[in-house]
Amino acid sequence: MSRRKDQERWEAMRRLDPDYKGFRGPANEPTRSRNAPLEPVTCSVCGRKRNVPRGIAQEQGDTYVCSACSAERESGASDSQTTERD
C-alpha cells in the first residue's frame, strides 16, 4: 500500500477516534491479555500432564481434572440422563 493511502487511512481513523495512536502490532493491543504463567499439573482422571495457569494449579493440586476429561464426564452424564428417560 502506498504511503499516501496509509496516511489517508490514518487520518480517517483519527477522525473517528481522536485518541487513535495508530497500529502498534497485535502484541500491543489493549484488549489482548497477558499470558499467565503456566505450571505442569497431572490430571487425576487420565494421568496426562497439562499446562495450566499457576493459580488453578495451586487451588486444585492433586484433584485437577483436565478439560477433556471434564467434557467427557459431562457428555457421559447427559447421555445417561437421556437413556433413563426412554
N, C-alpha and C. Protein backbone atom coordinates (compact mmCIF):
# COMPACT_ATOMS: atom_id res chain seq x y z
N MET A 1 0.85 -1.16 0.00
CA MET A 1 0.00 0.00 0.00
C MET A 1 0.90 1.23 0.00
N SER A 2 0.46 2.24 -0.67
CA SER A 2 1.29 3.44 -0.79
C SER A 2 1.26 4.27 0.49
N ARG A 3 2.23 5.11 0.60
CA ARG A 3 2.31 5.98 1.79
C ARG A 3 1.10 6.92 1.85
N ARG A 4 0.66 7.39 0.70
CA ARG A 4 -0.49 8.29 0.65
C ARG A 4 -1.74 7.60 1.17
N LYS A 5 -1.95 6.35 0.75
CA LYS A 5 -3.13 5.61 1.22
C LYS A 5 -3.04 5.32 2.72
N ASP A 6 -1.84 5.01 3.18
CA ASP A 6 -1.65 4.80 4.61
C ASP A 6 -2.00 6.06 5.39
N GLN A 7 -1.55 7.19 4.89
CA GLN A 7 -1.81 8.46 5.55
C GLN A 7 -3.30 8.76 5.56
N GLU A 8 -3.98 8.51 4.43
CA GLU A 8 -5.43 8.74 4.36
C GLU A 8 -6.18 7.83 5.33
N ARG A 9 -5.78 6.59 5.42
CA ARG A 9 -6.42 5.66 6.35
C ARG A 9 -6.21 6.12 7.80
N TRP A 10 -4.99 6.54 8.12
CA TRP A 10 -4.69 7.01 9.47
C TRP A 10 -5.54 8.25 9.81
N GLU A 11 -5.66 9.19 8.86
CA GLU A 11 -6.46 10.39 9.09
C GLU A 11 -7.93 10.04 9.28
N ALA A 12 -8.44 9.08 8.50
CA ALA A 12 -9.84 8.66 8.65
C ALA A 12 -10.08 8.03 10.02
N MET A 13 -9.15 7.19 10.46
CA MET A 13 -9.28 6.58 11.79
C MET A 13 -9.18 7.65 12.88
N ARG A 14 -8.35 8.62 12.66
CA ARG A 14 -8.16 9.70 13.62
C ARG A 14 -9.43 10.55 13.74
N ARG A 15 -10.13 10.75 12.60
CA ARG A 15 -11.40 11.50 12.64
C ARG A 15 -12.45 10.74 13.43
N LEU A 16 -12.49 9.40 13.30
CA LEU A 16 -13.46 8.59 14.03
C LEU A 16 -13.13 8.51 15.52
N ASP A 17 -11.85 8.43 15.82
CA ASP A 17 -11.40 8.30 17.21
C ASP A 17 -10.21 9.23 17.42
N PRO A 18 -10.43 10.39 18.06
CA PRO A 18 -9.33 11.35 18.24
C PRO A 18 -8.16 10.80 19.05
N ASP A 19 -8.38 9.77 19.85
CA ASP A 19 -7.31 9.18 20.67
C ASP A 19 -6.55 8.08 19.94
N TYR A 20 -6.87 7.84 18.67
CA TYR A 20 -6.24 6.77 17.91
C TYR A 20 -4.75 7.02 17.77
N LYS A 21 -3.95 6.05 18.21
CA LYS A 21 -2.49 6.19 18.18
C LYS A 21 -1.87 5.52 16.96
N GLY A 22 -2.63 4.75 16.24
CA GLY A 22 -2.09 4.02 15.11
C GLY A 22 -1.86 2.57 15.48
N PHE A 23 -1.69 1.75 14.49
CA PHE A 23 -1.50 0.32 14.71
C PHE A 23 -0.12 0.08 15.30
N ARG A 24 -0.08 -0.65 16.40
CA ARG A 24 1.19 -0.92 17.06
C ARG A 24 1.54 -2.41 17.04
N GLY A 25 0.78 -3.20 16.31
CA GLY A 25 1.04 -4.64 16.24
C GLY A 25 0.11 -5.41 17.17
N PRO A 26 -0.13 -6.68 16.86
CA PRO A 26 -1.08 -7.46 17.65
C PRO A 26 -0.62 -7.70 19.09
N ALA A 27 0.67 -7.65 19.35
CA ALA A 27 1.16 -7.88 20.71
C ALA A 27 0.85 -6.71 21.63
N ASN A 28 0.62 -5.54 21.07
CA ASN A 28 0.39 -4.35 21.88
C ASN A 28 -1.08 -3.94 21.96
N GLU A 29 -1.98 -4.77 21.51
CA GLU A 29 -3.39 -4.43 21.57
C GLU A 29 -3.84 -4.38 23.02
N PRO A 30 -4.59 -3.36 23.40
CA PRO A 30 -5.02 -3.25 24.79
C PRO A 30 -6.00 -4.34 25.20
N THR A 31 -6.74 -4.91 24.25
CA THR A 31 -7.71 -5.95 24.60
C THR A 31 -7.06 -7.30 24.80
N ARG A 32 -5.84 -7.45 24.37
CA ARG A 32 -5.15 -8.73 24.49
C ARG A 32 -4.58 -8.89 25.89
N SER A 33 -4.96 -9.94 26.58
CA SER A 33 -4.48 -10.14 27.93
C SER A 33 -3.09 -10.74 27.92
N ARG A 34 -2.37 -10.50 28.96
CA ARG A 34 -1.03 -11.07 29.10
C ARG A 34 -1.15 -12.55 29.39
N ASN A 35 -0.17 -13.30 28.95
CA ASN A 35 -0.18 -14.73 29.22
C ASN A 35 0.12 -14.97 30.69
N ALA A 36 -0.71 -15.81 31.30
CA ALA A 36 -0.49 -16.16 32.71
C ALA A 36 0.63 -17.19 32.78
N PRO A 37 1.43 -17.17 33.83
CA PRO A 37 2.47 -18.19 33.96
C PRO A 37 1.84 -19.57 34.12
N LEU A 38 2.36 -20.53 33.37
CA LEU A 38 1.79 -21.87 33.38
C LEU A 38 2.63 -22.81 34.25
N GLU A 39 1.96 -23.82 34.74
CA GLU A 39 2.62 -24.81 35.57
C GLU A 39 2.11 -26.20 35.17
N PRO A 40 2.98 -27.19 35.04
CA PRO A 40 2.51 -28.53 34.67
C PRO A 40 1.80 -29.21 35.84
N VAL A 41 0.61 -29.76 35.56
CA VAL A 41 -0.17 -30.48 36.56
C VAL A 41 -0.66 -31.77 35.92
N THR A 42 -0.68 -32.86 36.68
CA THR A 42 -1.14 -34.14 36.17
C THR A 42 -2.64 -34.28 36.44
N CYS A 43 -3.39 -34.64 35.41
CA CYS A 43 -4.83 -34.85 35.54
C CYS A 43 -5.09 -36.07 36.43
N SER A 44 -6.03 -35.94 37.36
CA SER A 44 -6.31 -37.04 38.28
C SER A 44 -7.13 -38.15 37.63
N VAL A 45 -7.71 -37.90 36.46
CA VAL A 45 -8.52 -38.91 35.78
C VAL A 45 -7.69 -39.68 34.75
N CYS A 46 -7.09 -38.96 33.79
CA CYS A 46 -6.38 -39.63 32.70
C CYS A 46 -4.88 -39.75 32.94
N GLY A 47 -4.34 -38.99 33.89
CA GLY A 47 -2.93 -39.08 34.21
C GLY A 47 -2.01 -38.31 33.27
N ARG A 48 -2.56 -37.51 32.37
CA ARG A 48 -1.74 -36.74 31.44
C ARG A 48 -1.31 -35.43 32.09
N LYS A 49 -0.14 -34.96 31.70
CA LYS A 49 0.36 -33.69 32.20
C LYS A 49 -0.24 -32.57 31.35
N ARG A 50 -0.75 -31.56 32.02
CA ARG A 50 -1.35 -30.40 31.34
C ARG A 50 -0.72 -29.13 31.88
N ASN A 51 -0.50 -28.16 31.01
CA ASN A 51 -0.02 -26.85 31.44
C ASN A 51 -1.22 -25.98 31.76
N VAL A 52 -1.35 -25.59 33.01
CA VAL A 52 -2.48 -24.78 33.46
C VAL A 52 -1.95 -23.53 34.15
N PRO A 53 -2.75 -22.47 34.24
CA PRO A 53 -2.32 -21.28 34.96
C PRO A 53 -1.95 -21.62 36.40
N ARG A 54 -0.95 -20.93 36.90
CA ARG A 54 -0.41 -21.23 38.23
C ARG A 54 -1.47 -21.18 39.33
N GLY A 55 -2.40 -20.25 39.26
CA GLY A 55 -3.45 -20.12 40.27
C GLY A 55 -4.33 -21.35 40.35
N ILE A 56 -4.73 -21.88 39.20
CA ILE A 56 -5.56 -23.09 39.16
C ILE A 56 -4.77 -24.28 39.66
N ALA A 57 -3.51 -24.34 39.31
CA ALA A 57 -2.66 -25.45 39.75
C ALA A 57 -2.53 -25.45 41.27
N GLN A 58 -2.40 -24.29 41.88
CA GLN A 58 -2.28 -24.22 43.32
C GLN A 58 -3.60 -24.52 44.02
N GLU A 59 -4.72 -24.07 43.43
CA GLU A 59 -6.04 -24.32 44.03
C GLU A 59 -6.39 -25.80 44.02
N GLN A 60 -6.27 -26.43 42.85
CA GLN A 60 -6.77 -27.78 42.68
C GLN A 60 -5.73 -28.85 42.99
N GLY A 61 -4.48 -28.58 42.74
CA GLY A 61 -3.40 -29.50 43.08
C GLY A 61 -3.60 -30.90 42.54
N ASP A 62 -3.68 -31.90 43.43
CA ASP A 62 -3.79 -33.31 43.03
C ASP A 62 -5.18 -33.68 42.54
N THR A 63 -6.18 -32.83 42.74
CA THR A 63 -7.54 -33.14 42.32
C THR A 63 -7.89 -32.54 40.97
N TYR A 64 -6.89 -32.00 40.25
CA TYR A 64 -7.13 -31.34 38.97
C TYR A 64 -7.68 -32.33 37.94
N VAL A 65 -8.74 -31.91 37.22
CA VAL A 65 -9.32 -32.69 36.13
C VAL A 65 -9.23 -31.83 34.87
N CYS A 66 -8.57 -32.35 33.82
CA CYS A 66 -8.38 -31.57 32.60
C CYS A 66 -9.71 -31.33 31.89
N SER A 67 -9.71 -30.39 30.96
CA SER A 67 -10.94 -30.03 30.26
C SER A 67 -11.48 -31.17 29.40
N ALA A 68 -10.58 -32.00 28.84
CA ALA A 68 -11.03 -33.12 28.02
C ALA A 68 -11.79 -34.14 28.88
N CYS A 69 -11.27 -34.44 30.07
CA CYS A 69 -11.93 -35.39 30.96
C CYS A 69 -13.23 -34.82 31.51
N SER A 70 -13.25 -33.54 31.84
CA SER A 70 -14.48 -32.95 32.37
C SER A 70 -15.56 -32.88 31.28
N ALA A 71 -15.18 -32.63 30.03
CA ALA A 71 -16.15 -32.63 28.94
C ALA A 71 -16.68 -34.04 28.71
N GLU A 72 -15.80 -35.02 28.82
CA GLU A 72 -16.22 -36.41 28.66
C GLU A 72 -17.19 -36.82 29.76
N ARG A 73 -16.92 -36.38 30.97
CA ARG A 73 -17.83 -36.67 32.09
C ARG A 73 -19.20 -36.05 31.86
N GLU A 74 -19.21 -34.78 31.42
CA GLU A 74 -20.47 -34.09 31.17
C GLU A 74 -21.27 -34.75 30.06
N SER A 75 -20.60 -35.14 28.98
CA SER A 75 -21.31 -35.79 27.88
C SER A 75 -21.80 -37.17 28.31
N GLY A 76 -21.03 -37.86 29.14
CA GLY A 76 -21.45 -39.16 29.66
C GLY A 76 -22.64 -39.03 30.59
N ALA A 77 -22.67 -37.96 31.38
CA ALA A 77 -23.78 -37.72 32.30
C ALA A 77 -25.04 -37.37 31.52
N SER A 78 -24.92 -36.56 30.47
CA SER A 78 -26.10 -36.19 29.68
C SER A 78 -26.61 -37.39 28.88
N ASP A 79 -25.70 -38.28 28.43
CA ASP A 79 -26.12 -39.48 27.71
C ASP A 79 -26.89 -40.42 28.63
N SER A 80 -26.46 -40.57 29.87
CA SER A 80 -27.13 -41.46 30.79
C SER A 80 -28.50 -40.91 31.18
N GLN A 81 -28.65 -39.60 31.24
CA GLN A 81 -29.94 -39.00 31.55
C GLN A 81 -30.92 -39.22 30.43
N THR A 82 -30.47 -39.15 29.17
CA THR A 82 -31.40 -39.33 28.05
C THR A 82 -31.81 -40.80 27.94
N THR A 83 -30.94 -41.74 28.29
CA THR A 83 -31.32 -43.15 28.23
C THR A 83 -32.24 -43.53 29.35
N GLU A 84 -32.15 -42.86 30.51
CA GLU A 84 -33.06 -43.15 31.62
C GLU A 84 -34.46 -42.70 31.30
N ARG A 85 -34.63 -41.65 30.52
CA ARG A 85 -35.96 -41.14 30.17
C ARG A 85 -36.66 -42.08 29.20
N ASP A 86 -35.91 -42.76 28.35
CA ASP A 86 -36.53 -43.62 27.33
C ASP A 86 -37.11 -44.86 27.88
